[in-house]
Amino acid sequence: MNTTDLLASRKADWKRLEQLCDTLSTRSGRDARRVLEFSQLYRAACADLALAEAYQLPQETVEHLHRLVGKAHNVLYRKRSALFRRWFTVLFRETPPRLLFDGVFWVVFVLFWSTFLGSMYLAYRDTAFAEAVAGAEALSEIEAMYSEKPADWDYSQIHRAGFYIQHNIGIALNCFALGLLMMVPGALLLLSNSILLGTLFGHMSSTQFSGNFFEFVTAHGPFELTGIVLAAACGIRLGYAIVSPGKWTRRAALYHAMQNVAPKLVVAVAFFVFAAFIEGLISPSALPYAVKFAVAVVSTVAICLYIFGLGLVNRRHARSH
């Protein structure tokens, strides 16, 4: 079969692609099967256009394929831009008010920080408390770890960001998954994390290596600790839906809770990713402490603006409409 005959045999596919362009332009016409068929036919039409131009087929055929590929291209990227706009709306307009007025999130927030600060104070005042919580061997190891100031930064540290992303997202998923298991394991994991972290912070504050320790943890702390709280709150919210489904079945209650929780979990993962990049690239560097402290301040302000600023603004906007 020569090229002319081959392209002639493809006219049925071109017609089908044109039909799909019209169908997918409407919300009701979008489903997975049609989208898959559309993507296959779109790629084939691009190849057909390249062949038609290469073999100098009749101008009418080339122009028809140009129009068809252009139409399909517009449909494809209109869908992508619509998806981007939808996620932007969810993450920056709908989620901040939900976070700001989410009672579970604030209960978890207070629970985490009260035990963290309490453990930090007790460990600072009493080494025996720190040893009872973390163990004398673990305390010796962490003291040795921060016995020297960070070395000069070099590009070999970039791989650390990937390690910390994996590590931090693992923490988020653990907090989330255990919260989903009827809430209690998630709350216990949250408490154990906050007590252990507070103990380590308090103990290191009382040692001669406190400067080195805080030089490392200050920059990435806001995003990482807020991410832990948010991930745990998401899991506990789902666990509560299972324990107390209200007027719905447990399956329906879990589905509705997941609709509320999913964007918050995305935000938690984003916080962990930001923390990982800072932890891998800035925290271990030899940058002045003032720079690292400034990063922590900017991170804290960004978190507050996201939750309080966007939360209040979008809440007022929703009420006015």
C-alpha atoms as a PDB file:
ATOM      1  CA  MET A   1       0.000   0.000   0.000  1.00  0.00           C
ATOM      2  CA  ASN A   2       1.489   3.373  -1.029  1.00  0.00           C
ATOM      3  CA  THR A   3       1.353   6.480   1.127  1.00  0.00           C
ATOM      4  CA  THR A   4      -1.665   7.956  -0.688  1.00  0.00           C
ATOM      5  CA  ASP A   5      -3.719   4.790  -0.173  1.00  0.00           C
ATOM      6  CA  LEU A   6      -2.565   4.543   3.444  1.00  0.00           C
ATOM      7  CA  LEU A   7      -3.727   8.054   4.260  1.00  0.00           C
ATOM      8  CA  ALA A   8      -6.986   7.497   2.386  1.00  0.00           C
ATOM      9  CA  SER A   9      -7.669   4.477   4.603  1.00  0.00           C
ATOM     10  CA  ARG A  10      -7.231   6.704   7.650  1.00  0.00           C
ATOM     11  CA  LYS A  11     -10.176   8.990   6.845  1.00  0.00           C
ATOM     12  CA  ALA A  12     -12.494   7.051   9.162  1.00  0.00           C
ATOM     13  CA  ASP A  13     -10.100   7.698  12.064  1.00  0.00           C
ATOM     14  CA  TRP A  14      -9.929  11.379  11.172  1.00  0.00           C
ATOM     15  CA  LYS A  15     -13.710  11.591  11.225  1.00  0.00           C
ATOM     16  CA  ARG A  16     -13.822   9.805  14.577  1.00  0.00           C
ATOM     17  CA  LEU A  17     -11.206  12.203  15.999  1.00  0.00           C
ATOM     18  CA  GLU A  18     -13.292  15.167  14.883  1.00  0.00           C
ATOM     19  CA  GLN A  19     -16.337  13.661  16.609  1.00  0.00           C
ATOM     20  CA  LEU A  20     -14.345  13.161  19.798  1.00  0.00           C
ATOM     21  CA  CYS A  21     -13.149  16.776  19.678  1.00  0.00           C
ATOM     22  CA  ASP A  22     -16.783  17.888  19.778  1.00  0.00           C
ATOM     23  CA  THR A  23     -17.749  15.322  22.425  1.00  0.00           C
ATOM     24  CA  LEU A  24     -14.871  16.071  24.788  1.00  0.00           C
ATOM     25  CA  SER A  25     -15.567  19.783  24.592  1.00  0.00           C
ATOM     26  CA  THR A  26     -18.615  19.143  26.801  1.00  0.00           C
ATOM     27  CA  ARG A  27     -18.361  18.109  30.461  1.00  0.00           C
ATOM     28  CA  SER A  28     -20.833  15.236  30.058  1.00  0.00           C
ATOM     29  CA  GLY A  29     -18.801  13.701  27.234  1.00  0.00           C
ATOM     30  CA  ARG A  30     -15.617  13.200  29.216  1.00  0.00           C
ATOM     31  CA  ASP A  31     -14.874   9.678  30.345  1.00  0.00           C
ATOM     32  CA  ALA A  32     -11.725   7.567  30.546  1.00  0.00           C
ATOM     33  CA  ARG A  33     -12.504   5.457  27.475  1.00  0.00           C
ATOM     34  CA  ARG A  34     -13.088   8.468  25.214  1.00  0.00           C
ATOM     35  CA  VAL A  35     -10.009  10.279  26.520  1.00  0.00           C
ATOM     36  CA  LEU A  36      -7.828   7.232  25.822  1.00  0.00           C
ATOM     37  CA  GLU A  37      -9.250   6.855  22.306  1.00  0.00           C
ATOM     38  CA  PHE A  38      -8.808  10.589  21.690  1.00  0.00           C
ATOM     39  CA  SER A  39      -5.138  10.528  22.709  1.00  0.00           C
ATOM     40  CA  GLN A  40      -4.420   7.563  20.416  1.00  0.00           C
ATOM     41  CA  LEU A  41      -6.179   9.135  17.430  1.00  0.00           C
ATOM     42  CA  TYR A  42      -4.516  12.505  18.078  1.00  0.00           C
ATOM     43  CA  ARG A  43      -1.030  10.980  17.959  1.00  0.00           C
ATOM     44  CA  ALA A  44      -1.949   9.062  14.797  1.00  0.00           C
ATOM     45  CA  ALA A  45      -3.283  12.228  13.125  1.00  0.00           C
ATOM     46  CA  CYS A  46      -0.017  14.051  13.910  1.00  0.00           C
ATOM     47  CA  ALA A  47       1.885  11.218  12.210  1.00  0.00           C
ATOM     48  CA  ASP A  48      -0.516  11.354   9.241  1.00  0.00           C
ATOM     49  CA  LEU A  49       0.072  15.089   8.882  1.00  0.00           C
ATOM     50  CA  ALA A  50       3.836  14.576   8.856  1.00  0.00           C
ATOM     51  CA  LEU A  51       3.489  11.925   6.125  1.00  0.00           C
ATOM     52  CA  ALA A  52       1.136  14.094   4.071  1.00  0.00           C
ATOM     53  CA  GLU A  53       3.583  16.993   4.130  1.00  0.00           C
ATOM     54  CA  ALA A  54       6.621  14.800   3.462  1.00  0.00           C
ATOM     55  CA  TYR A  55       5.051  13.144   0.396  1.00  0.00           C
ATOM     56  CA  GLN A  56       3.438  16.381  -0.835  1.00  0.00           C
ATOM     57  CA  LEU A  57      -0.108  15.029  -0.947  1.00  0.00           C
ATOM     58  CA  PRO A  58      -2.915  17.250  -2.262  1.00  0.00           C
ATOM     59  CA  GLN A  59      -3.078  20.601  -0.505  1.00  0.00           C
ATOM     60  CA  GLU A  60      -6.703  19.944   0.461  1.00  0.00           C
ATOM     61  CA  THR A  61      -5.683  16.846   2.473  1.00  0.00           C
ATOM     62  CA  VAL A  62      -2.800  18.658   4.163  1.00  0.00           C
ATOM     63  CA  GLU A  63      -5.000  21.615   5.129  1.00  0.00           C
ATOM     64  CA  HIS A  64      -7.706  19.293   6.463  1.00  0.00           C
ATOM     65  CA  LEU A  65      -5.162  17.509   8.660  1.00  0.00           C
ATOM     66  CA  HIS A  66      -3.750  20.839   9.845  1.00  0.00           C
ATOM     67  CA  ARG A  67      -7.226  21.964  10.929  1.00  0.00           C
ATOM     68  CA  LEU A  68      -7.961  18.605  12.585  1.00  0.00           C
ATOM     69  CA  VAL A  69      -4.679  18.459  14.500  1.00  0.00           C
ATOM     70  CA  GLY A  70      -5.076  22.093  15.553  1.00  0.00           C
ATOM     71  CA  LYS A  71      -8.607  21.443  16.799  1.00  0.00           C
ATOM     72  CA  ALA A  72      -7.497  18.351  18.725  1.00  0.00           C
ATOM     73  CA  HIS A  73      -4.528  20.256  20.157  1.00  0.00           C
ATOM     74  CA  ASN A  74      -6.857  22.968  21.476  1.00  0.00           C
ATOM     75  CA  VAL A  75      -9.142  20.381  23.086  1.00  0.00           C
ATOM     76  CA  LEU A  76      -6.172  18.626  24.688  1.00  0.00           C
ATOM     77  CA  TYR A  77      -4.623  21.740  26.203  1.00  0.00           C
ATOM     78  CA  ARG A  78      -7.972  23.251  27.147  1.00  0.00           C
ATOM     79  CA  LYS A  79      -8.550  20.156  29.278  1.00  0.00           C
ATOM     80  CA  ARG A  80      -5.107  20.466  30.831  1.00  0.00           C
ATOM     81  CA  SER A  81      -5.567  24.139  31.610  1.00  0.00           C
ATOM     82  CA  ALA A  82      -9.030  23.427  33.029  1.00  0.00           C
ATOM     83  CA  LEU A  83      -7.548  20.734  35.263  1.00  0.00           C
ATOM     84  CA  PHE A  84      -4.834  23.129  36.412  1.00  0.00           C
ATOM     85  CA  ARG A  85      -7.427  25.841  37.163  1.00  0.00           C
ATOM     86  CA  ARG A  86      -9.524  23.342  39.109  1.00  0.00           C
ATOM     87  CA  TRP A  87      -6.598  22.242  41.270  1.00  0.00           C
ATOM     88  CA  PHE A  88      -5.575  25.868  41.793  1.00  0.00           C
ATOM     89  CA  THR A  89      -9.107  26.637  42.976  1.00  0.00           C
ATOM     90  CA  VAL A  90      -9.148  23.627  45.296  1.00  0.00           C
ATOM     91  CA  LEU A  91      -5.715  24.234  46.836  1.00  0.00           C
ATOM     92  CA  PHE A  92      -5.735  28.031  47.104  1.00  0.00           C
ATOM     93  CA  ARG A  93      -9.422  28.926  47.469  1.00  0.00           C
ATOM     94  CA  GLU A  94     -11.303  25.984  48.956  1.00  0.00           C
ATOM     95  CA  THR A  95      -8.697  24.285  51.167  1.00  0.00           C
ATOM     96  CA  PRO A  96      -7.416  27.238  53.291  1.00  0.00           C
ATOM     97  CA  PRO A  97     -10.895  28.014  54.763  1.00  0.00           C
ATOM     98  CA  ARG A  98     -11.453  24.307  55.404  1.00  0.00           C
ATOM     99  CA  LEU A  99      -8.152  24.164  57.267  1.00  0.00           C
ATOM    100  CA  LEU A 100      -8.786  27.359  59.202  1.00  0.00           C
ATOM    101  CA  PHE A 101     -12.184  26.185  60.441  1.00  0.00           C
ATOM    102  CA  ASP A 102     -11.329  22.495  60.869  1.00  0.00           C
ATOM    103  CA  GLY A 103     -11.738  21.624  64.550  1.00  0.00           C
ATOM    104  CA  VAL A 104      -9.863  18.329  64.200  1.00  0.00           C
ATOM    105  CA  PHE A 105      -6.816  20.104  62.769  1.00  0.00           C
ATOM    106  CA  TRP A 106      -6.668  22.554  65.665  1.00  0.00           C
ATOM    107  CA  VAL A 107      -7.179  19.842  68.299  1.00  0.00           C
ATOM    108  CA  VAL A 108      -4.284  17.896  66.759  1.00  0.00           C
ATOM    109  CA  PHE A 109      -2.234  21.114  66.517  1.00  0.00           C
ATOM    110  CA  VAL A 110      -2.713  21.914  70.222  1.00  0.00           C
ATOM    111  CA  LEU A 111      -2.122  18.282  71.217  1.00  0.00           C
ATOM    112  CA  PHE A 112       1.147  18.122  69.271  1.00  0.00           C
ATOM    113  CA  TRP A 113       2.594  21.447  70.386  1.00  0.00           C
ATOM    114  CA  SER A 114       1.559  21.134  74.033  1.00  0.00           C
ATOM    115  CA  THR A 115       3.273  17.744  74.387  1.00  0.00           C
ATOM    116  CA  PHE A 116       6.248  18.945  72.311  1.00  0.00           C
ATOM    117  CA  LEU A 117       6.844  22.045  74.427  1.00  0.00           C
ATOM    118  CA  GLY A 118       6.137  20.205  77.678  1.00  0.00           C
ATOM    119  CA  SER A 119       8.625  17.451  76.810  1.00  0.00           C
ATOM    120  CA  MET A 120      11.154  20.031  75.678  1.00  0.00           C
ATOM    121  CA  TYR A 121      10.935  21.851  79.016  1.00  0.00           C
ATOM    122  CA  LEU A 122      11.206  18.651  81.083  1.00  0.00           C
ATOM    123  CA  ALA A 123      14.162  17.350  79.053  1.00  0.00           C
ATOM    124  CA  TYR A 124      15.926  20.699  79.351  1.00  0.00           C
ATOM    125  CA  ARG A 125      15.527  20.702  83.123  1.00  0.00           C
ATOM    126  CA  ASP A 126      16.146  17.007  83.799  1.00  0.00           C
ATOM    127  CA  THR A 127      18.541  14.725  81.914  1.00  0.00           C
ATOM    128  CA  ALA A 128      16.938  11.698  83.591  1.00  0.00           C
ATOM    129  CA  PHE A 129      13.658  12.483  81.822  1.00  0.00           C
ATOM    130  CA  ALA A 130      15.428  12.700  78.457  1.00  0.00           C
ATOM    131  CA  GLU A 131      17.168   9.370  79.076  1.00  0.00           C
ATOM    132  CA  ALA A 132      13.877   7.730  80.063  1.00  0.00           C
ATOM    133  CA  VAL A 133      12.213   8.882  76.841  1.00  0.00           C
ATOM    134  CA  ALA A 134      14.983   8.553  74.248  1.00  0.00           C
ATOM    135  CA  GLY A 135      17.590   6.389  75.966  1.00  0.00           C
ATOM    136  CA  ALA A 136      21.110   7.357  77.019  1.00  0.00           C
ATOM    137  CA  GLU A 137      22.668   5.760  73.939  1.00  0.00           C
ATOM    138  CA  ALA A 138      20.416   7.696  71.546  1.00  0.00           C
ATOM    139  CA  LEU A 139      21.207  10.948  73.336  1.00  0.00           C
ATOM    140  CA  SER A 140      24.938  10.265  73.068  1.00  0.00           C
ATOM    141  CA  GLU A 141      24.559   9.560  69.352  1.00  0.00           C
ATOM    142  CA  ILE A 142      22.663  12.769  68.672  1.00  0.00           C
ATOM    143  CA  GLU A 143      25.213  14.774  70.666  1.00  0.00           C
ATOM    144  CA  ALA A 144      28.002  13.248  68.574  1.00  0.00           C
ATOM    145  CA  MET A 145      26.041  13.997  65.398  1.00  0.00           C
ATOM    146  CA  TYR A 146      25.931  17.719  66.205  1.00  0.00           C
ATOM    147  CA  SER A 147      29.357  18.014  67.817  1.00  0.00           C
ATOM    148  CA  GLU A 148      30.688  19.841  64.747  1.00  0.00           C
ATOM    149  CA  LYS A 149      29.342  22.764  62.767  1.00  0.00           C
ATOM    150  CA  PRO A 150      28.019  22.123  59.232  1.00  0.00           C
ATOM    151  CA  ALA A 151      30.734  21.896  56.567  1.00  0.00           C
ATOM    152  CA  ASP A 152      30.927  24.110  53.517  1.00  0.00           C
ATOM    153  CA  TRP A 153      28.079  23.482  51.092  1.00  0.00           C
ATOM    154  CA  ASP A 154      28.779  21.605  47.862  1.00  0.00           C
ATOM    155  CA  TYR A 155      26.657  20.254  45.047  1.00  0.00           C
ATOM    156  CA  SER A 156      27.044  16.672  46.274  1.00  0.00           C
ATOM    157  CA  GLN A 157      24.463  17.581  48.928  1.00  0.00           C
ATOM    158  CA  ILE A 158      21.702  17.792  46.330  1.00  0.00           C
ATOM    159  CA  HIS A 159      20.999  14.066  46.655  1.00  0.00           C
ATOM    160  CA  ARG A 160      20.070  14.659  50.300  1.00  0.00           C
ATOM    161  CA  ALA A 161      16.925  16.476  49.209  1.00  0.00           C
ATOM    162  CA  GLY A 162      15.656  13.322  47.501  1.00  0.00           C
ATOM    163  CA  PHE A 163      16.398  11.256  50.606  1.00  0.00           C
ATOM    164  CA  TYR A 164      14.566  13.690  52.874  1.00  0.00           C
ATOM    165  CA  ILE A 165      11.578  13.877  50.509  1.00  0.00           C
ATOM    166  CA  GLN A 166      11.219  10.091  50.717  1.00  0.00           C
ATOM    167  CA  HIS A 167      11.760  10.114  54.492  1.00  0.00           C
ATOM    168  CA  ASN A 168       9.335  12.963  55.190  1.00  0.00           C
ATOM    169  CA  ILE A 169       6.570  11.633  52.957  1.00  0.00           C
ATOM    170  CA  GLY A 170       6.994   8.305  54.769  1.00  0.00           C
ATOM    171  CA  ILE A 171       6.305  10.112  58.062  1.00  0.00           C
ATOM    172  CA  ALA A 172       3.233  11.779  56.528  1.00  0.00           C
ATOM    173  CA  LEU A 173       1.826   8.484  55.270  1.00  0.00           C
ATOM    174  CA  ASN A 174       2.443   6.780  58.630  1.00  0.00           C
ATOM    175  CA  CYS A 175       0.635   9.549  60.510  1.00  0.00           C
ATOM    176  CA  PHE A 176      -2.188   9.502  57.979  1.00  0.00           C
ATOM    177  CA  ALA A 177      -2.574   5.716  57.796  1.00  0.00           C
ATOM    178  CA  LEU A 178      -2.516   5.166  61.559  1.00  0.00           C
ATOM    179  CA  GLY A 179      -5.015   7.991  62.039  1.00  0.00           C
ATOM    180  CA  LEU A 180      -7.312   6.183  59.641  1.00  0.00           C
ATOM    181  CA  LEU A 181      -7.185   3.064  61.875  1.00  0.00           C
ATOM    182  CA  MET A 182      -9.921   4.182  64.258  1.00  0.00           C
ATOM    183  CA  MET A 183      -8.027   7.330  65.291  1.00  0.00           C
ATOM    184  CA  VAL A 184      -6.325   5.933  68.414  1.00  0.00           C
ATOM    185  CA  PRO A 185      -3.113   4.578  66.774  1.00  0.00           C
ATOM    186  CA  GLY A 186      -2.745   7.828  64.841  1.00  0.00           C
ATOM    187  CA  ALA A 187      -3.122   9.909  67.990  1.00  0.00           C
ATOM    188  CA  LEU A 188      -0.608   7.683  69.802  1.00  0.00           C
ATOM    189  CA  LEU A 189       1.910   8.018  66.950  1.00  0.00           C
ATOM    190  CA  LEU A 190       1.427  11.778  66.961  1.00  0.00           C
ATOM    191  CA  LEU A 191       1.996  11.926  70.718  1.00  0.00           C
ATOM    192  CA  SER A 192       5.056   9.672  70.574  1.00  0.00           C
ATOM    193  CA  ASN A 193       6.553  11.823  67.791  1.00  0.00           C
ATOM    194  CA  SER A 194       5.872  15.067  69.642  1.00  0.00           C
ATOM    195  CA  ILE A 195       7.249  13.724  72.953  1.00  0.00           C
ATOM    196  CA  LEU A 196      10.377  12.321  71.309  1.00  0.00           C
ATOM    197  CA  LEU A 197      11.022  15.439  69.224  1.00  0.00           C
ATOM    198  CA  GLY A 198      10.391  17.727  72.193  1.00  0.00           C
ATOM    199  CA  THR A 199      12.723  15.629  74.346  1.00  0.00           C
ATOM    200  CA  LEU A 200      15.518  15.791  71.772  1.00  0.00           C
ATOM    201  CA  PHE A 201      15.086  19.546  71.343  1.00  0.00           C
ATOM    202  CA  GLY A 202      15.074  20.092  75.096  1.00  0.00           C
ATOM    203  CA  HIS A 203      18.070  17.892  75.767  1.00  0.00           C
ATOM    204  CA  MET A 204      20.151  19.415  72.982  1.00  0.00           C
ATOM    205  CA  SER A 205      19.268  22.894  74.278  1.00  0.00           C
ATOM    206  CA  SER A 206      21.045  22.019  77.527  1.00  0.00           C
ATOM    207  CA  THR A 207      24.265  20.772  75.909  1.00  0.00           C
ATOM    208  CA  GLN A 208      27.335  22.581  74.615  1.00  0.00           C
ATOM    209  CA  PHE A 209      26.271  21.603  71.080  1.00  0.00           C
ATOM    210  CA  SER A 210      22.959  23.487  71.182  1.00  0.00           C
ATOM    211  CA  GLY A 211      24.211  26.066  68.666  1.00  0.00           C
ATOM    212  CA  ASN A 212      25.121  23.414  66.094  1.00  0.00           C
ATOM    213  CA  PHE A 213      21.814  21.603  66.660  1.00  0.00           C
ATOM    214  CA  PHE A 214      19.597  24.633  66.172  1.00  0.00           C
ATOM    215  CA  GLU A 215      21.687  25.763  63.233  1.00  0.00           C
ATOM    216  CA  PHE A 216      20.596  22.547  61.494  1.00  0.00           C
ATOM    217  CA  VAL A 217      16.931  22.224  62.556  1.00  0.00           C
ATOM    218  CA  THR A 218      15.771  25.846  62.461  1.00  0.00           C
ATOM    219  CA  ALA A 219      15.357  26.366  58.711  1.00  0.00           C
ATOM    220  CA  HIS A 220      13.234  23.323  57.834  1.00  0.00           C
ATOM    221  CA  GLY A 221      11.351  23.006  61.139  1.00  0.00           C
ATOM    222  CA  PRO A 222       8.202  25.038  60.299  1.00  0.00           C
ATOM    223  CA  PHE A 223       7.248  23.093  57.175  1.00  0.00           C
ATOM    224  CA  GLU A 224       8.181  19.691  58.607  1.00  0.00           C
ATOM    225  CA  LEU A 225       6.381  20.035  61.943  1.00  0.00           C
ATOM    226  CA  THR A 226       3.274  21.573  60.366  1.00  0.00           C
ATOM    227  CA  GLY A 227       3.253  18.740  57.824  1.00  0.00           C
ATOM    228  CA  ILE A 228       3.274  16.143  60.619  1.00  0.00           C
ATOM    229  CA  VAL A 229       0.320  17.829  62.332  1.00  0.00           C
ATOM    230  CA  LEU A 230      -1.657  18.171  59.104  1.00  0.00           C
ATOM    231  CA  ALA A 231      -1.061  14.576  57.970  1.00  0.00           C
ATOM    232  CA  ALA A 232      -2.112  13.230  61.364  1.00  0.00           C
ATOM    233  CA  ALA A 233      -5.233  15.428  61.347  1.00  0.00           C
ATOM    234  CA  CYS A 234      -6.195  14.088  57.909  1.00  0.00           C
ATOM    235  CA  GLY A 235      -5.923  10.495  59.095  1.00  0.00           C
ATOM    236  CA  ILE A 236      -7.828  11.150  62.313  1.00  0.00           C
ATOM    237  CA  ARG A 237     -10.562  12.931  60.357  1.00  0.00           C
ATOM    238  CA  LEU A 238     -11.052   9.809  58.216  1.00  0.00           C
ATOM    239  CA  GLY A 239     -10.900   7.574  61.286  1.00  0.00           C
ATOM    240  CA  TYR A 240     -13.628   9.648  62.915  1.00  0.00           C
ATOM    241  CA  ALA A 241     -15.824   9.237  59.823  1.00  0.00           C
ATOM    242  CA  ILE A 242     -15.559   5.451  60.226  1.00  0.00           C
ATOM    243  CA  VAL A 243     -16.240   5.496  63.978  1.00  0.00           C
ATOM    244  CA  SER A 244     -19.074   8.034  63.798  1.00  0.00           C
ATOM    245  CA  PRO A 245     -20.628   8.005  60.296  1.00  0.00           C
ATOM    246  CA  GLY A 246     -23.761   9.880  61.397  1.00  0.00           C
ATOM    247  CA  LYS A 247     -26.685   9.586  58.986  1.00  0.00           C
ATOM    248  CA  TRP A 248     -24.562   7.887  56.289  1.00  0.00           C
ATOM    249  CA  THR A 249     -23.260   4.386  55.933  1.00  0.00           C
ATOM    250  CA  ARG A 250     -19.603   4.016  56.904  1.00  0.00           C
ATOM    251  CA  ARG A 251     -18.649   3.708  53.252  1.00  0.00           C
ATOM    252  CA  ALA A 252     -20.522   6.893  52.322  1.00  0.00           C
ATOM    253  CA  ALA A 253     -19.156   8.749  55.359  1.00  0.00           C
ATOM    254  CA  LEU A 254     -15.611   7.711  54.454  1.00  0.00           C
ATOM    255  CA  TYR A 255     -16.161   8.880  50.861  1.00  0.00           C
ATOM    256  CA  HIS A 256     -17.428  12.313  51.957  1.00  0.00           C
ATOM    257  CA  ALA A 257     -14.597  12.673  54.469  1.00  0.00           C
ATOM    258  CA  MET A 258     -12.061  11.750  51.789  1.00  0.00           C
ATOM    259  CA  GLN A 259     -13.418  14.518  49.549  1.00  0.00           C
ATOM    260  CA  ASN A 260     -12.615  16.950  52.346  1.00  0.00           C
ATOM    261  CA  VAL A 261      -9.295  15.397  53.350  1.00  0.00           C
ATOM    262  CA  ALA A 262      -7.605  14.712  49.979  1.00  0.00           C
ATOM    263  CA  PRO A 263      -6.614  18.351  49.212  1.00  0.00           C
ATOM    264  CA  LYS A 264      -5.337  18.792  52.785  1.00  0.00           C
ATOM    265  CA  LEU A 265      -3.184  15.705  52.401  1.00  0.00           C
ATOM    266  CA  VAL A 266      -1.761  17.187  49.183  1.00  0.00           C
ATOM    267  CA  VAL A 267      -0.883  20.334  51.157  1.00  0.00           C
ATOM    268  CA  ALA A 268       0.776  18.204  53.863  1.00  0.00           C
ATOM    269  CA  VAL A 269       2.885  16.400  51.260  1.00  0.00           C
ATOM    270  CA  ALA A 270       3.817  19.770  49.712  1.00  0.00           C
ATOM    271  CA  PHE A 271       4.966  20.989  53.145  1.00  0.00           C
ATOM    272  CA  PHE A 272       7.121  17.875  53.538  1.00  0.00           C
ATOM    273  CA  VAL A 273       8.643  18.371  50.084  1.00  0.00           C
ATOM    274  CA  PHE A 274       9.487  22.012  50.888  1.00  0.00           C
ATOM    275  CA  ALA A 275      10.983  20.895  54.206  1.00  0.00           C
ATOM    276  CA  ALA A 276      13.017  18.199  52.459  1.00  0.00           C
ATOM    277  CA  PHE A 277      14.601  20.630  50.006  1.00  0.00           C
ATOM    278  CA  ILE A 278      15.471  23.011  52.836  1.00  0.00           C
ATOM    279  CA  GLU A 279      16.745  20.140  55.003  1.00  0.00           C
ATOM    280  CA  GLY A 280      18.868  18.766  52.195  1.00  0.00           C
ATOM    281  CA  LEU A 281      20.306  21.996  50.818  1.00  0.00           C
ATOM    282  CA  ILE A 282      20.146  24.800  53.391  1.00  0.00           C
ATOM    283  CA  SER A 283      20.108  23.217  56.857  1.00  0.00           C
ATOM    284  CA  PRO A 284      23.443  21.324  56.514  1.00  0.00           C
ATOM    285  CA  SER A 285      25.194  24.191  54.740  1.00  0.00           C
ATOM    286  CA  ALA A 286      27.699  26.627  56.239  1.00  0.00           C
ATOM    287  CA  LEU A 287      25.389  29.591  55.585  1.00  0.00           C
ATOM    288  CA  PRO A 288      25.174  32.077  58.477  1.00  0.00           C
ATOM    289  CA  TYR A 289      22.568  31.240  61.106  1.00  0.00           C
ATOM    290  CA  ALA A 290      20.830  34.524  60.325  1.00  0.00           C
ATOM    291  CA  VAL A 291      20.064  33.218  56.817  1.00  0.00           C
ATOM    292  CA  LYS A 292      18.668  29.954  58.168  1.00  0.00           C
ATOM    293  CA  PHE A 293      16.600  31.819  60.732  1.00  0.00           C
ATOM    294  CA  ALA A 294      15.281  34.068  57.958  1.00  0.00           C
ATOM    295  CA  VAL A 295      14.261  30.959  55.968  1.00  0.00           C
ATOM    296  CA  ALA A 296      12.356  29.710  59.026  1.00  0.00           C
ATOM    297  CA  VAL A 297      10.620  33.068  59.445  1.00  0.00           C
ATOM    298  CA  VAL A 298       9.647  33.226  55.763  1.00  0.00           C
ATOM    299  CA  SER A 299       8.373  29.626  55.942  1.00  0.00           C
ATOM    300  CA  THR A 300       6.285  30.406  59.032  1.00  0.00           C
ATOM    301  CA  VAL A 301       4.851  33.544  57.450  1.00  0.00           C
ATOM    302  CA  ALA A 302       4.015  31.583  54.270  1.00  0.00           C
ATOM    303  CA  ILE A 303       2.177  28.920  56.293  1.00  0.00           C
ATOM    304  CA  CYS A 304       0.253  31.564  58.256  1.00  0.00           C
ATOM    305  CA  LEU A 305      -0.663  33.477  55.106  1.00  0.00           C
ATOM    306  CA  TYR A 306      -1.875  30.254  53.491  1.00  0.00           C
ATOM    307  CA  ILE A 307      -4.047  29.169  56.417  1.00  0.00           C
ATOM    308  CA  PHE A 308      -5.154  32.483  57.943  1.00  0.00           C
ATOM    309  CA  GLY A 309      -4.781  34.930  55.051  1.00  0.00           C
ATOM    310  CA  LEU A 310      -6.269  32.834  52.260  1.00  0.00           C
ATOM    311  CA  GLY A 311      -8.626  31.154  54.718  1.00  0.00           C
ATOM    312  CA  LEU A 312     -10.261  34.391  55.857  1.00  0.00           C
ATOM    313  CA  VAL A 313     -10.227  36.072  52.439  1.00  0.00           C
ATOM    314  CA  ASN A 314     -11.823  33.109  50.673  1.00  0.00           C
ATOM    315  CA  ARG A 315     -14.317  32.587  53.488  1.00  0.00           C
ATOM    316  CA  ARG A 316     -15.524  36.189  53.133  1.00  0.00           C
ATOM    317  CA  HIS A 317     -15.579  35.845  49.350  1.00  0.00           C
ATOM    318  CA  ALA A 318     -17.701  32.677  49.571  1.00  0.00           C
ATOM    319  CA  ARG A 319     -20.152  34.329  51.977  1.00  0.00           C
ATOM    320  CA  SER A 320     -20.512  37.433  49.810  1.00  0.00           C
ATOM    321  CA  HIS A 321     -21.499  35.225  46.880  1.00  0.00           C
END
